[in-house]
N, C-alpha and C. Protein backbone atom coordinates (compact mmCIF):
# COMPACT_ATOMS: atom_id res chain seq x y z
N MET A 1 0.56 -1.14 -0.14
CA MET A 1 0.03 -0.01 -0.15
C MET A 1 0.93 1.08 0.10
N SER A 2 0.49 2.62 -0.58
CA SER A 2 1.30 3.52 -0.14
C SER A 2 1.05 4.12 1.33
N ASP A 3 1.72 5.20 1.12
CA ASP A 3 2.07 6.09 2.68
C ASP A 3 1.14 6.01 3.28
N ALA A 4 -0.18 7.10 2.27
CA ALA A 4 -1.03 7.68 2.80
C ALA A 4 -2.23 6.83 3.46
N ARG A 5 -2.20 5.69 2.21
CA ARG A 5 -3.81 4.39 2.64
C ARG A 5 -3.03 4.06 3.62
N ASN A 6 -1.85 3.43 3.83
CA ASN A 6 -1.17 2.68 5.34
C ASN A 6 -1.51 3.70 6.50
N ARG A 7 -1.56 5.12 6.82
CA ARG A 7 -1.64 6.15 7.74
C ARG A 7 -3.38 5.97 7.78
N MET A 8 -3.93 5.33 6.89
CA MET A 8 -5.47 5.75 6.75
C MET A 8 -5.64 4.46 7.41
N VAL A 9 -5.25 3.53 6.82
CA VAL A 9 -6.03 2.09 7.61
C VAL A 9 -5.18 1.62 9.43
N ALA A 10 -4.02 2.99 9.66
CA ALA A 10 -3.81 3.02 10.94
C ALA A 10 -4.73 3.79 11.26
N ARG A 11 -4.84 4.71 11.09
CA ARG A 11 -5.64 5.51 12.07
C ARG A 11 -7.07 5.01 12.42
N ALA A 12 -7.64 4.74 11.38
CA ALA A 12 -8.80 3.92 11.15
C ALA A 12 -8.72 2.54 12.26
N ALA A 13 -7.50 2.29 12.68
CA ALA A 13 -7.81 1.11 13.38
C ALA A 13 -7.82 1.51 14.78
N LEU A 14 -7.70 2.63 15.04
CA LEU A 14 -8.03 3.44 16.33
C LEU A 14 -9.50 3.63 16.94
N GLU A 15 -10.63 3.78 15.51
CA GLU A 15 -11.30 3.29 16.11
C GLU A 15 -11.99 2.49 16.33
N ILE A 16 -11.02 1.35 16.66
CA ILE A 16 -11.57 0.18 17.75
C ILE A 16 -11.16 0.26 19.05
N ALA A 17 -12.29 0.15 19.21
CA ALA A 17 -12.36 -0.20 21.38
C ALA A 17 -12.01 -1.17 22.22
N PRO A 18 -11.37 -1.34 23.07
CA PRO A 18 -11.06 -2.70 23.37
C PRO A 18 -12.45 -3.77 24.48
N GLY A 19 -12.62 -4.58 23.92
CA GLY A 19 -14.18 -5.17 23.75
C GLY A 19 -15.25 -5.24 22.94
N MET A 20 -14.76 -4.35 21.51
CA MET A 20 -15.43 -4.89 20.79
C MET A 20 -15.68 -6.09 20.00
N VAL A 21 -16.77 -6.27 19.38
CA VAL A 21 -16.88 -6.83 18.10
C VAL A 21 -17.34 -6.53 17.31
N VAL A 22 -15.91 -6.68 15.90
CA VAL A 22 -15.54 -5.60 14.99
C VAL A 22 -15.74 -6.77 13.29
N ASN A 23 -16.43 -6.40 12.55
CA ASN A 23 -15.92 -6.75 11.41
C ASN A 23 -15.89 -6.19 10.40
N LEU A 24 -14.98 -7.20 9.83
CA LEU A 24 -13.75 -6.77 8.43
C LEU A 24 -13.97 -6.81 7.31
N GLY A 25 -14.34 -6.07 6.49
CA GLY A 25 -15.08 -6.11 4.98
C GLY A 25 -13.47 -6.36 4.34
N ILE A 26 -13.78 -6.92 2.57
CA ILE A 26 -13.48 -6.69 1.51
C ILE A 26 -12.67 -5.43 1.54
N GLY A 27 -11.57 -5.42 0.44
CA GLY A 27 -10.57 -4.80 1.07
C GLY A 27 -9.72 -4.21 2.27
N LEU A 28 -9.19 -2.71 2.06
CA LEU A 28 -9.29 -2.09 3.19
C LEU A 28 -9.32 -2.27 4.34
N PRO A 29 -9.88 -2.47 4.54
CA PRO A 29 -10.68 -3.07 5.61
C PRO A 29 -10.17 -4.33 6.67
N THR A 30 -9.02 -5.15 5.61
CA THR A 30 -8.86 -6.21 5.95
C THR A 30 -7.99 -6.21 6.26
N GLN A 31 -7.18 -5.04 5.99
CA GLN A 31 -5.69 -4.27 5.91
C GLN A 31 -5.59 -4.27 8.69
N VAL A 32 -6.89 -3.39 8.80
CA VAL A 32 -6.94 -3.00 10.19
C VAL A 32 -6.54 -4.03 10.91
N VAL A 33 -6.57 -5.76 10.13
CA VAL A 33 -5.97 -5.89 11.67
C VAL A 33 -4.01 -6.16 11.97
N ASN A 34 -3.69 -5.77 10.90
CA ASN A 34 -1.89 -5.57 11.01
C ASN A 34 -2.04 -3.97 12.03
N HIS A 35 -2.96 -3.49 12.31
CA HIS A 35 -2.44 -1.92 12.81
C HIS A 35 -2.56 -2.29 14.26
N LEU A 36 -3.05 -3.43 14.97
CA LEU A 36 -3.89 -3.91 16.18
C LEU A 36 -2.14 -4.82 16.68
N ALA A 37 -2.62 -4.35 18.16
CA ALA A 37 -1.26 -5.25 19.22
C ALA A 37 -1.90 -6.45 18.96
N ALA A 38 -1.36 -7.43 18.82
CA ALA A 38 -1.01 -8.53 19.34
C ALA A 38 -2.01 -8.60 20.84
N ASP A 39 -1.80 -8.41 21.37
CA ASP A 39 -2.39 -8.59 23.34
C ASP A 39 -4.09 -8.19 22.96
N PHE A 40 -4.29 -6.57 22.39
CA PHE A 40 -5.40 -5.65 21.61
C PHE A 40 -6.93 -7.06 22.03
N PRO A 41 -7.62 -6.19 23.77
CA PRO A 41 -8.51 -7.38 23.63
C PRO A 41 -9.59 -6.97 22.71
N VAL A 42 -9.86 -7.73 21.29
CA VAL A 42 -10.74 -7.48 20.16
C VAL A 42 -11.60 -8.47 19.71
N CYS A 43 -12.88 -8.85 19.63
CA CYS A 43 -13.25 -10.13 19.06
C CYS A 43 -12.92 -9.58 17.03
N LEU A 44 -12.20 -10.02 16.39
CA LEU A 44 -12.73 -9.78 15.05
C LEU A 44 -13.27 -10.58 14.50
N HIS A 45 -13.95 -10.29 13.48
CA HIS A 45 -15.26 -11.23 12.70
C HIS A 45 -15.34 -11.17 11.12
N THR A 46 -15.39 -12.25 10.59
CA THR A 46 -14.89 -12.29 8.84
C THR A 46 -16.57 -13.10 8.59
N GLU A 47 -17.41 -12.78 7.33
CA GLU A 47 -18.28 -13.77 7.48
C GLU A 47 -18.57 -14.59 6.76
N ASN A 48 -17.13 -15.02 6.07
CA ASN A 48 -17.40 -17.20 5.85
C ASN A 48 -16.83 -17.60 7.12
N GLY A 49 -16.75 -17.08 8.38
CA GLY A 49 -16.70 -18.35 9.79
C GLY A 49 -16.02 -18.16 10.51
N LEU A 50 -15.51 -16.65 10.67
CA LEU A 50 -14.44 -16.89 12.18
C LEU A 50 -14.49 -15.63 12.93
N ALA A 51 -14.48 -15.61 14.02
CA ALA A 51 -14.47 -14.86 15.05
C ALA A 51 -13.08 -15.24 16.09
N GLY A 52 -12.13 -13.92 15.96
CA GLY A 52 -10.65 -14.25 16.81
C GLY A 52 -9.58 -14.44 15.51
N ILE A 53 -9.78 -13.41 14.79
CA ILE A 53 -8.88 -13.20 13.80
C ILE A 53 -7.04 -12.58 14.16
N GLY A 54 -6.41 -13.65 13.99
CA GLY A 54 -4.95 -13.28 14.05
C GLY A 54 -4.46 -12.29 12.66
N PRO A 55 -3.23 -11.72 12.45
CA PRO A 55 -2.24 -11.57 11.79
C PRO A 55 -2.88 -12.17 10.46
N THR A 56 -2.72 -11.31 9.02
CA THR A 56 -2.80 -12.05 8.09
C THR A 56 -1.40 -12.47 7.49
N LEU A 57 -1.09 -13.61 6.78
CA LEU A 57 0.14 -14.22 6.76
C LEU A 57 0.42 -14.04 5.28
N SER A 58 1.13 -14.66 5.25
CA SER A 58 2.60 -14.20 3.58
C SER A 58 2.22 -16.28 2.95
N PRO A 59 1.62 -16.72 2.25
CA PRO A 59 1.44 -18.27 1.60
C PRO A 59 2.37 -18.84 2.47
N ASP A 60 3.99 -18.54 2.09
CA ASP A 60 4.66 -19.72 3.11
C ASP A 60 4.73 -19.95 4.33
N ARG A 61 3.22 -19.33 5.12
CA ARG A 61 3.45 -19.01 6.20
C ARG A 61 2.38 -19.86 7.05
N ALA A 62 1.42 -19.80 6.05
CA ALA A 62 -0.41 -19.52 5.72
C ALA A 62 -0.23 -21.19 6.46
N ASP A 63 -2.12 -21.24 7.09
CA ASP A 63 -2.87 -22.55 7.11
C ASP A 63 -3.55 -22.33 5.85
N ARG A 64 -3.55 -22.24 4.28
CA ARG A 64 -4.34 -22.04 3.50
C ARG A 64 -5.76 -22.23 3.45
N ASN A 65 -6.22 -23.04 4.06
CA ASN A 65 -7.60 -23.08 4.87
C ASN A 65 -8.16 -21.99 5.50
N LEU A 66 -7.41 -21.02 5.91
CA LEU A 66 -7.73 -20.03 7.05
C LEU A 66 -7.59 -18.67 5.92
N ILE A 67 -8.94 -18.33 5.12
CA ILE A 67 -8.92 -16.96 4.45
C ILE A 67 -10.05 -16.02 5.49
N ASP A 68 -9.57 -14.95 4.96
CA ASP A 68 -10.94 -13.89 5.23
C ASP A 68 -11.89 -14.17 4.70
N ALA A 69 -12.29 -12.88 4.56
CA ALA A 69 -13.95 -12.24 3.01
C ALA A 69 -13.16 -12.10 1.93
N GLY A 70 -12.35 -11.60 1.79
CA GLY A 70 -11.60 -10.65 1.18
C GLY A 70 -9.87 -12.54 -0.37
N GLY A 71 -9.81 -13.60 0.98
CA GLY A 71 -9.49 -13.95 0.31
C GLY A 71 -7.98 -14.28 1.30
N ALA A 72 -7.39 -13.08 1.70
CA ALA A 72 -6.37 -13.16 2.34
C ALA A 72 -6.03 -14.23 3.52
N TYR A 73 -5.22 -15.19 3.24
CA TYR A 73 -4.76 -16.19 4.73
C TYR A 73 -4.14 -15.22 5.61
N VAL A 74 -5.08 -15.90 6.68
CA VAL A 74 -5.07 -15.16 8.26
C VAL A 74 -4.28 -16.34 9.22
N SER A 75 -4.80 -15.80 10.04
CA SER A 75 -4.21 -16.84 11.24
C SER A 75 -5.18 -16.41 12.84
N THR A 76 -5.08 -17.55 13.59
CA THR A 76 -5.53 -17.61 14.46
C THR A 76 -5.14 -17.14 16.03
N ILE A 77 -5.75 -17.09 16.35
CA ILE A 77 -5.35 -16.43 18.25
C ILE A 77 -6.14 -16.96 19.49
N PRO A 78 -5.99 -17.34 20.60
CA PRO A 78 -6.75 -18.35 21.40
C PRO A 78 -8.00 -17.60 21.81
N GLY A 79 -8.70 -18.42 21.74
CA GLY A 79 -10.83 -18.31 21.79
C GLY A 79 -10.94 -18.53 20.11
N SER A 80 -10.15 -18.33 19.10
CA SER A 80 -10.88 -18.38 17.81
C SER A 80 -11.72 -19.48 17.62
N SER A 81 -13.04 -19.03 16.71
CA SER A 81 -13.70 -20.24 16.40
C SER A 81 -13.89 -20.15 15.23
N PHE A 82 -14.70 -21.42 14.51
CA PHE A 82 -15.15 -21.43 13.31
C PHE A 82 -16.44 -21.41 13.46
N PHE A 83 -17.22 -21.06 11.95
CA PHE A 83 -18.92 -21.37 12.36
C PHE A 83 -19.36 -21.52 10.61
N ASP A 84 -21.13 -21.25 10.43
CA ASP A 84 -20.73 -21.84 9.09
C ASP A 84 -21.41 -20.26 9.08
N SER A 85 -22.17 -20.44 7.31
CA SER A 85 -22.89 -18.86 7.27
C SER A 85 -23.62 -18.41 7.77
N ALA A 86 -24.41 -19.61 8.59
CA ALA A 86 -25.96 -19.76 9.06
C ALA A 86 -25.73 -18.64 10.36
N VAL A 87 -24.27 -19.07 11.53
CA VAL A 87 -24.08 -19.03 12.08
C VAL A 87 -23.57 -17.65 12.11
N SER A 88 -22.79 -16.94 11.30
CA SER A 88 -21.91 -15.96 11.08
C SER A 88 -23.28 -15.22 11.06
N PHE A 89 -24.23 -15.37 10.29
CA PHE A 89 -24.61 -14.09 9.85
C PHE A 89 -26.57 -14.23 11.01
N ALA A 90 -26.11 -15.07 11.54
CA ALA A 90 -27.39 -14.66 13.01
C ALA A 90 -26.45 -14.06 13.72
N LEU A 91 -25.08 -13.72 13.71
CA LEU A 91 -24.36 -12.83 14.45
C LEU A 91 -24.49 -11.28 14.39
N VAL A 92 -24.31 -11.46 12.95
CA VAL A 92 -24.77 -9.97 12.36
C VAL A 92 -26.36 -9.55 12.57
N ARG A 93 -26.96 -10.65 11.79
CA ARG A 93 -28.73 -10.05 12.39
C ARG A 93 -29.43 -9.96 13.50
N SER A 94 -28.73 -10.46 14.14
CA SER A 94 -29.21 -10.03 16.08
C SER A 94 -28.56 -8.85 16.30
N GLY A 95 -27.90 -8.12 15.79
CA GLY A 95 -27.07 -6.80 16.14
C GLY A 95 -26.20 -6.62 17.31
N ARG A 96 -25.10 -8.31 16.99
CA ARG A 96 -23.72 -8.30 18.06
C ARG A 96 -23.03 -7.52 17.26
N LEU A 97 -22.38 -6.92 16.38
CA LEU A 97 -21.75 -6.64 15.85
C LEU A 97 -21.78 -5.15 16.63
N ASP A 98 -20.80 -4.68 17.25
CA ASP A 98 -20.70 -3.25 17.36
C ASP A 98 -19.59 -2.34 16.71
N LEU A 99 -18.95 -2.71 15.69
CA LEU A 99 -18.42 -2.12 14.04
C LEU A 99 -18.24 -2.71 12.91
N THR A 100 -18.64 -2.02 11.93
CA THR A 100 -17.52 -2.88 10.81
C THR A 100 -17.67 -1.85 9.74
N MET A 101 -16.37 -2.48 9.22
CA MET A 101 -15.38 -1.92 8.74
C MET A 101 -15.91 -2.36 6.73
N LEU A 102 -16.27 -1.02 6.22
CA LEU A 102 -16.54 -1.45 5.12
C LEU A 102 -15.64 -0.74 3.65
N GLY A 103 -15.55 -1.73 2.40
CA GLY A 103 -15.05 -0.06 1.77
C GLY A 103 -16.44 0.46 0.69
N ALA A 104 -15.82 1.17 -0.27
CA ALA A 104 -16.46 1.38 -0.76
C ALA A 104 -16.36 2.43 -1.96
N PHE A 105 -17.00 1.99 -3.42
CA PHE A 105 -17.83 2.81 -4.40
C PHE A 105 -17.77 4.06 -4.43
N GLU A 106 -19.02 4.95 -3.15
CA GLU A 106 -19.13 5.69 -3.53
C GLU A 106 -19.61 5.54 -1.50
N VAL A 107 -19.76 7.93 -1.42
CA VAL A 107 -21.06 7.14 0.18
C VAL A 107 -21.70 8.98 -0.66
N SER A 108 -22.63 8.28 -0.21
CA SER A 108 -23.04 10.00 0.05
C SER A 108 -23.35 10.93 1.01
N GLN A 109 -23.64 12.49 1.12
CA GLN A 109 -23.54 13.10 2.28
C GLN A 109 -24.78 12.74 3.10
N ALA A 110 -25.49 11.67 3.13
CA ALA A 110 -26.57 11.46 4.08
C ALA A 110 -26.14 10.04 4.42
N GLY A 111 -25.44 9.72 4.18
CA GLY A 111 -24.69 8.63 4.71
C GLY A 111 -24.80 7.48 3.76
N ASP A 112 -25.76 7.61 2.95
CA ASP A 112 -25.57 6.32 2.26
C ASP A 112 -24.14 5.41 1.45
N LEU A 113 -24.62 4.16 1.37
CA LEU A 113 -23.42 3.55 0.84
C LEU A 113 -23.33 3.11 -0.38
N ALA A 114 -23.28 3.05 -1.62
CA ALA A 114 -22.89 1.89 -2.24
C ALA A 114 -22.01 1.02 -2.61
N ASN A 115 -21.77 -0.55 -3.11
CA ASN A 115 -19.89 -0.59 -2.68
C ASN A 115 -20.08 -2.57 -3.03
N TRP A 116 -21.21 -2.59 -4.16
CA TRP A 116 -21.63 -4.16 -4.96
C TRP A 116 -22.00 -4.35 -6.15
N LYS A 117 -21.71 -3.15 -6.73
CA LYS A 117 -22.39 -2.92 -7.64
C LYS A 117 -21.12 -1.83 -8.84
N VAL A 118 -20.58 -2.18 -10.40
CA VAL A 118 -20.77 -1.51 -11.05
C VAL A 118 -20.95 -1.62 -12.61
N PRO A 119 -22.14 -0.84 -13.10
CA PRO A 119 -23.36 -1.53 -14.02
C PRO A 119 -21.78 -1.08 -14.96
N GLY A 120 -22.26 -3.00 -15.70
CA GLY A 120 -21.47 -3.43 -17.11
C GLY A 120 -19.73 -4.10 -16.32
N LYS A 121 -19.53 -4.05 -15.57
CA LYS A 121 -18.70 -5.21 -14.02
C LYS A 121 -19.12 -5.57 -14.01
N PHE A 122 -18.85 -7.07 -13.84
CA PHE A 122 -18.67 -8.35 -13.33
C PHE A 122 -18.64 -8.35 -12.27
N SER A 123 -19.76 -8.79 -11.39
CA SER A 123 -20.24 -8.35 -9.99
C SER A 123 -20.35 -9.64 -9.25
N PRO A 124 -20.20 -10.54 -8.53
CA PRO A 124 -20.49 -11.69 -7.76
C PRO A 124 -22.03 -11.52 -6.99
N GLY A 125 -21.60 -10.44 -6.67
CA GLY A 125 -23.62 -9.99 -6.20
C GLY A 125 -22.89 -9.37 -4.72
N PRO A 126 -23.98 -9.37 -3.48
CA PRO A 126 -23.53 -7.81 -2.75
C PRO A 126 -23.18 -8.79 -1.59
N GLY A 127 -23.39 -10.13 -1.50
CA GLY A 127 -23.02 -10.94 -0.54
C GLY A 127 -23.16 -10.71 0.77
N GLY A 128 -22.54 -10.32 1.94
CA GLY A 128 -22.86 -9.85 3.12
C GLY A 128 -23.23 -8.70 3.08
N ALA A 129 -22.37 -7.44 2.25
CA ALA A 129 -22.66 -6.18 2.49
C ALA A 129 -23.73 -5.29 2.92
N ILE A 130 -25.15 -5.89 2.54
CA ILE A 130 -26.67 -5.20 2.87
C ILE A 130 -26.36 -5.93 4.48
N GLU A 131 -26.62 -6.87 4.26
CA GLU A 131 -26.86 -7.11 5.90
C GLU A 131 -26.07 -6.74 7.68
N LEU A 132 -24.47 -6.30 6.68
CA LEU A 132 -23.36 -5.11 7.65
C LEU A 132 -23.82 -4.18 7.63
N ALA A 133 -24.33 -3.21 6.53
CA ALA A 133 -24.83 -2.23 6.51
C ALA A 133 -25.53 -1.70 7.35
N GLN A 134 -26.80 -2.72 7.33
CA GLN A 134 -27.79 -2.69 8.10
C GLN A 134 -27.88 -3.02 9.19
N LYS A 135 -27.00 -3.52 10.14
CA LYS A 135 -27.13 -4.40 11.54
C LYS A 135 -26.68 -4.61 12.89
N ALA A 136 -24.71 -3.71 11.64
CA ALA A 136 -23.97 -3.31 12.70
C ALA A 136 -24.36 -1.56 13.24
N ARG A 137 -24.06 -1.89 14.46
CA ARG A 137 -24.33 -1.08 15.27
C ARG A 137 -23.71 0.26 14.83
N ARG A 138 -22.24 0.27 14.43
CA ARG A 138 -22.09 1.53 14.14
C ARG A 138 -20.76 1.13 12.19
N VAL A 139 -21.25 2.03 11.70
CA VAL A 139 -20.40 2.00 9.91
C VAL A 139 -19.48 2.60 9.81
N ILE A 140 -18.89 2.31 9.56
CA ILE A 140 -17.41 3.50 9.19
C ILE A 140 -16.94 2.68 7.21
N VAL A 141 -16.54 3.24 6.63
CA VAL A 141 -15.90 3.29 5.46
C VAL A 141 -14.52 3.37 5.23
N LEU A 142 -13.66 2.61 4.74
CA LEU A 142 -12.30 2.74 4.80
C LEU A 142 -12.30 2.45 2.55
N SER A 143 -11.60 4.20 1.98
CA SER A 143 -11.97 4.01 1.12
C SER A 143 -10.19 4.96 0.05
N THR A 144 -10.27 5.27 -0.75
CA THR A 144 -9.57 5.97 -1.66
C THR A 144 -10.47 7.22 -1.78
N HIS A 145 -9.58 8.37 -1.53
CA HIS A 145 -11.25 10.02 -2.01
C HIS A 145 -11.45 9.51 -2.95
N THR A 146 -10.60 9.30 -4.20
CA THR A 146 -11.61 9.05 -6.09
C THR A 146 -11.23 8.24 -6.30
N ASP A 147 -11.67 7.64 -6.71
CA ASP A 147 -11.61 6.46 -8.09
C ASP A 147 -10.29 6.48 -9.00
N ARG A 148 -10.21 5.79 -9.31
CA ARG A 148 -9.14 5.78 -10.64
C ARG A 148 -8.33 6.72 -11.47
N ALA A 149 -9.75 7.13 -12.25
CA ALA A 149 -10.60 8.13 -13.17
C ALA A 149 -9.99 9.66 -12.09
N GLY A 150 -9.87 9.88 -11.18
CA GLY A 150 -9.52 11.09 -10.44
C GLY A 150 -11.12 11.52 -9.72
N ASN A 151 -12.47 11.00 -10.34
CA ASN A 151 -13.74 11.17 -9.75
C ASN A 151 -14.35 10.57 -8.52
N PRO A 152 -14.73 12.00 -7.66
CA PRO A 152 -15.09 12.18 -6.42
C PRO A 152 -15.91 10.21 -6.02
N LYS A 153 -15.54 9.57 -4.98
CA LYS A 153 -16.05 8.94 -4.28
C LYS A 153 -17.33 9.59 -3.31
N LEU A 154 -16.73 10.43 -2.75
CA LEU A 154 -18.10 11.07 -1.93
C LEU A 154 -18.81 12.24 -2.79
N LYS A 155 -19.95 12.13 -2.35
CA LYS A 155 -20.57 12.64 -3.47
C LYS A 155 -22.18 13.19 -2.61
N THR A 156 -23.03 14.27 -3.09
CA THR A 156 -24.01 14.62 -2.85
C THR A 156 -24.75 13.20 -2.58
N ASP A 157 -25.33 12.75 -4.26
CA ASP A 157 -25.91 11.73 -4.07
C ASP A 157 -25.04 10.66 -4.83
N CYS A 158 -25.18 8.61 -4.28
CA CYS A 158 -24.49 7.99 -5.03
C CYS A 158 -25.08 8.02 -6.52
N GLY A 159 -24.47 7.14 -7.35
CA GLY A 159 -24.70 7.51 -8.86
C GLY A 159 -25.03 5.83 -8.73
N LEU A 160 -24.59 4.43 -8.15
CA LEU A 160 -24.58 3.84 -8.42
C LEU A 160 -25.34 2.97 -7.30
N PRO A 161 -25.78 1.45 -7.99
CA PRO A 161 -26.81 0.49 -7.04
C PRO A 161 -26.23 1.33 -5.53
N LEU A 162 -27.52 1.13 -4.52
CA LEU A 162 -26.76 1.36 -3.90
C LEU A 162 -27.12 -0.22 -2.60
N THR A 163 -26.33 0.14 -1.62
CA THR A 163 -26.03 -1.24 -0.18
C THR A 163 -27.12 -0.53 0.51
N ALA A 164 -26.51 0.30 0.95
CA ALA A 164 -27.93 0.60 2.34
C ALA A 164 -27.77 2.13 2.07
N ARG A 165 -29.18 2.66 3.00
CA ARG A 165 -29.63 4.51 3.18
C ARG A 165 -29.05 4.81 4.16
N GLY A 166 -28.66 5.68 4.72
CA GLY A 166 -27.85 6.00 5.74
C GLY A 166 -27.45 5.47 6.73
N CYS A 167 -26.69 4.85 6.38
CA CYS A 167 -25.71 4.15 7.58
C CYS A 167 -24.13 4.26 7.52
N VAL A 168 -23.62 4.81 6.66
CA VAL A 168 -22.19 5.19 7.10
C VAL A 168 -22.26 6.51 8.24
N ALA A 169 -21.55 6.73 9.51
CA ALA A 169 -21.11 7.17 9.80
C ALA A 169 -19.86 8.07 10.30
N ARG A 170 -18.81 7.53 9.84
CA ARG A 170 -17.94 8.17 8.90
C ARG A 170 -16.89 7.71 7.74
N VAL A 171 -16.17 7.73 7.51
CA VAL A 171 -15.12 7.84 6.18
C VAL A 171 -13.99 8.24 6.37
N PHE A 172 -13.13 7.61 6.86
CA PHE A 172 -11.21 6.84 6.42
C PHE A 172 -11.10 7.04 4.68
N THR A 173 -10.44 7.98 4.45
CA THR A 173 -9.96 7.70 3.38
C THR A 173 -8.79 8.90 2.99
N ASP A 174 -7.38 8.41 2.34
CA ASP A 174 -6.71 8.92 2.29
C ASP A 174 -6.07 10.70 2.16
N MET A 175 -7.36 10.97 1.87
CA MET A 175 -6.94 12.57 2.14
C MET A 175 -7.81 13.33 3.25
N ALA A 176 -8.36 12.45 4.17
CA ALA A 176 -8.93 12.84 5.56
C ALA A 176 -9.97 12.04 6.64
N VAL A 177 -10.51 12.17 7.30
CA VAL A 177 -11.66 11.46 8.32
C VAL A 177 -12.42 12.48 8.06
N ILE A 178 -13.12 11.72 7.33
CA ILE A 178 -15.31 12.90 7.56
C ILE A 178 -16.43 12.78 8.03
N ASP A 179 -17.02 13.02 8.50
CA ASP A 179 -18.12 12.51 9.36
C ASP A 179 -18.54 12.50 8.57
N ILE A 180 -20.63 12.21 8.68
CA ILE A 180 -21.47 12.32 8.17
C ILE A 180 -22.44 13.00 8.92
N THR A 181 -22.81 13.65 9.05
CA THR A 181 -23.81 14.64 9.46
C THR A 181 -25.01 15.04 9.42
N PRO A 182 -26.17 15.86 10.24
CA PRO A 182 -27.22 16.34 9.39
C PRO A 182 -26.75 16.70 8.20
N GLY A 183 -26.19 17.65 8.51
CA GLY A 183 -25.63 18.69 7.22
C GLY A 183 -25.23 18.73 6.29
N GLY A 184 -24.43 17.25 6.61
CA GLY A 184 -23.65 16.15 5.37
C GLY A 184 -22.86 15.92 5.86
N PHE A 185 -21.26 16.25 4.71
CA PHE A 185 -20.37 15.63 5.50
C PHE A 185 -19.78 16.72 6.41
N ALA A 186 -18.55 16.60 7.04
CA ALA A 186 -17.97 17.45 8.48
C ALA A 186 -16.49 16.82 8.27
N LEU A 187 -15.26 17.79 8.09
CA LEU A 187 -14.25 17.75 8.17
C LEU A 187 -13.52 17.50 9.19
N ALA A 188 -13.30 16.13 9.95
CA ALA A 188 -12.63 15.95 11.75
C ALA A 188 -11.09 16.02 11.05
N GLU A 189 -10.83 15.35 10.11
CA GLU A 189 -9.20 15.68 10.14
C GLU A 189 -8.86 15.08 8.89
N LEU A 190 -7.32 16.06 8.91
CA LEU A 190 -6.47 15.55 7.44
C LEU A 190 -5.29 14.95 7.59
N ALA A 191 -5.39 14.81 6.44
CA ALA A 191 -3.96 13.55 5.98
C ALA A 191 -2.74 14.29 6.04
N GLN A 192 -1.91 14.13 6.48
CA GLN A 192 -0.77 15.07 5.83
C GLN A 192 -0.31 15.54 4.93
N GLY A 193 0.28 16.99 4.44
CA GLY A 193 0.83 17.05 3.27
C GLY A 193 -0.67 17.34 2.81
N VAL A 194 -2.75 17.32 2.78
CA VAL A 194 -3.13 17.82 2.17
C VAL A 194 -4.16 19.02 2.75
N SER A 195 -3.93 19.75 1.79
CA SER A 195 -4.79 21.52 2.06
C SER A 195 -6.26 20.99 1.54
N ILE A 196 -6.48 22.21 2.20
CA ILE A 196 -8.47 22.29 2.17
C ILE A 196 -9.11 21.95 0.54
N ALA A 197 -7.90 22.88 0.62
CA ALA A 197 -8.65 23.27 -1.15
C ALA A 197 -8.30 22.00 -1.79
N GLU A 198 -8.06 21.26 -2.25
CA GLU A 198 -7.06 19.95 -2.20
C GLU A 198 -8.25 18.77 -1.68
N LEU A 199 -8.88 19.38 -0.73
CA LEU A 199 -9.87 18.15 -0.31
C LEU A 199 -10.96 18.69 -0.51
N THR A 200 -11.30 20.03 -0.97
CA THR A 200 -12.92 20.31 -1.50
C THR A 200 -13.22 19.89 -3.01
N GLU A 201 -11.70 20.02 -3.34
CA GLU A 201 -11.98 19.82 -5.09
C GLU A 201 -12.12 18.32 -5.39
N ALA A 202 -11.23 17.98 -4.26
CA ALA A 202 -11.96 15.94 -4.83
C ALA A 202 -12.97 15.42 -4.15
N THR A 203 -13.60 16.26 -3.95
CA THR A 203 -15.00 16.05 -3.38
C THR A 203 -16.24 16.63 -3.91
N GLY A 204 -17.19 15.13 -4.73
CA GLY A 204 -18.41 15.92 -4.52
C GLY A 204 -19.83 16.23 -4.05
N ALA A 205 -19.28 17.19 -3.14
CA ALA A 205 -20.48 17.48 -2.18
C ALA A 205 -19.79 18.11 -1.11
N PRO A 206 -19.99 19.84 -0.64
CA PRO A 206 -20.07 20.37 0.14
C PRO A 206 -19.26 19.92 1.44
N VAL A 207 -17.95 20.32 1.90
CA VAL A 207 -17.95 19.76 3.28
C VAL A 207 -17.70 21.12 3.67
N ALA A 208 -17.97 21.16 5.08
CA ALA A 208 -18.38 21.23 6.47
C ALA A 208 -16.17 20.96 7.07
N ILE A 209 -16.26 22.90 7.46
CA ILE A 209 -14.44 22.72 7.92
C ILE A 209 -14.68 23.66 8.77
N PRO A 210 -13.54 23.14 10.13
CA PRO A 210 -13.88 23.53 11.84
C PRO A 210 -13.14 24.53 11.74
N THR A 211 -13.21 25.60 12.34
CA THR A 211 -12.61 26.76 13.04
C THR A 211 -11.14 25.94 13.78
N GLY A 212 -10.05 26.94 13.28
CA GLY A 212 -8.92 26.63 14.03
C GLY A 212 -7.98 25.68 13.58
N ASP A 213 -7.02 25.28 14.44
CA ASP A 213 -6.77 23.52 14.20
C ASP A 213 -7.03 22.53 13.68
N ILE A 214 -7.21 22.17 12.70
CA ILE A 214 -7.43 20.70 12.23
C ILE A 214 -6.33 19.37 12.80
N PRO A 215 -6.77 18.70 13.06
CA PRO A 215 -5.87 17.20 13.20
C PRO A 215 -5.22 16.47 12.32
N THR A 216 -4.03 15.92 12.64
CA THR A 216 -3.49 15.18 10.89
C THR A 216 -3.36 13.86 11.63
N PHE A 217 -2.66 13.77 10.47
CA PHE A 217 -3.06 11.80 10.65
C PHE A 217 -1.89 11.28 9.79
């Protein structure tokens, strides 16, 4: 990962409090585990049937039967448990997740999330994203601020098929930490080396800028 993305993931890991049950979605969120201390008291969940996730491993060190939702090789920790999809989604649907971290194609200023389908491109389906977005107590997104063509991912309204409406509380990008408020996007922190002008130009909706010093990560 680039330095900016690595710092974004490290900053997002600070959202996890001791004792939480946290789902790590496909993409950048799966890297969060590598930014937690080995003895940090958290239960990390992956929808394909594992609770208690340890750091990701290289193929030469991994048990190739153990993967996360994105297919990366993961390790276990004392107390890890394995279960089928029915149990995994019973945990999700019953509201036992304190937090889910998801990737995104687009996020609207109202907190709508689009992260499963780009028309014209193959998608295996929404998978567990819809239920994770609707049922977790708090939903945060980890994403690049723009797509590969430089188009904003944070927009007034999502143009892609929605995963869930009004579910996102906070967005971590390689440019900023942005909260979803009743008034829309609100800047919380800036990435090192990013200016307010660069941020607003790269965002497809107004961003409320706080007065005074803005924290950086």
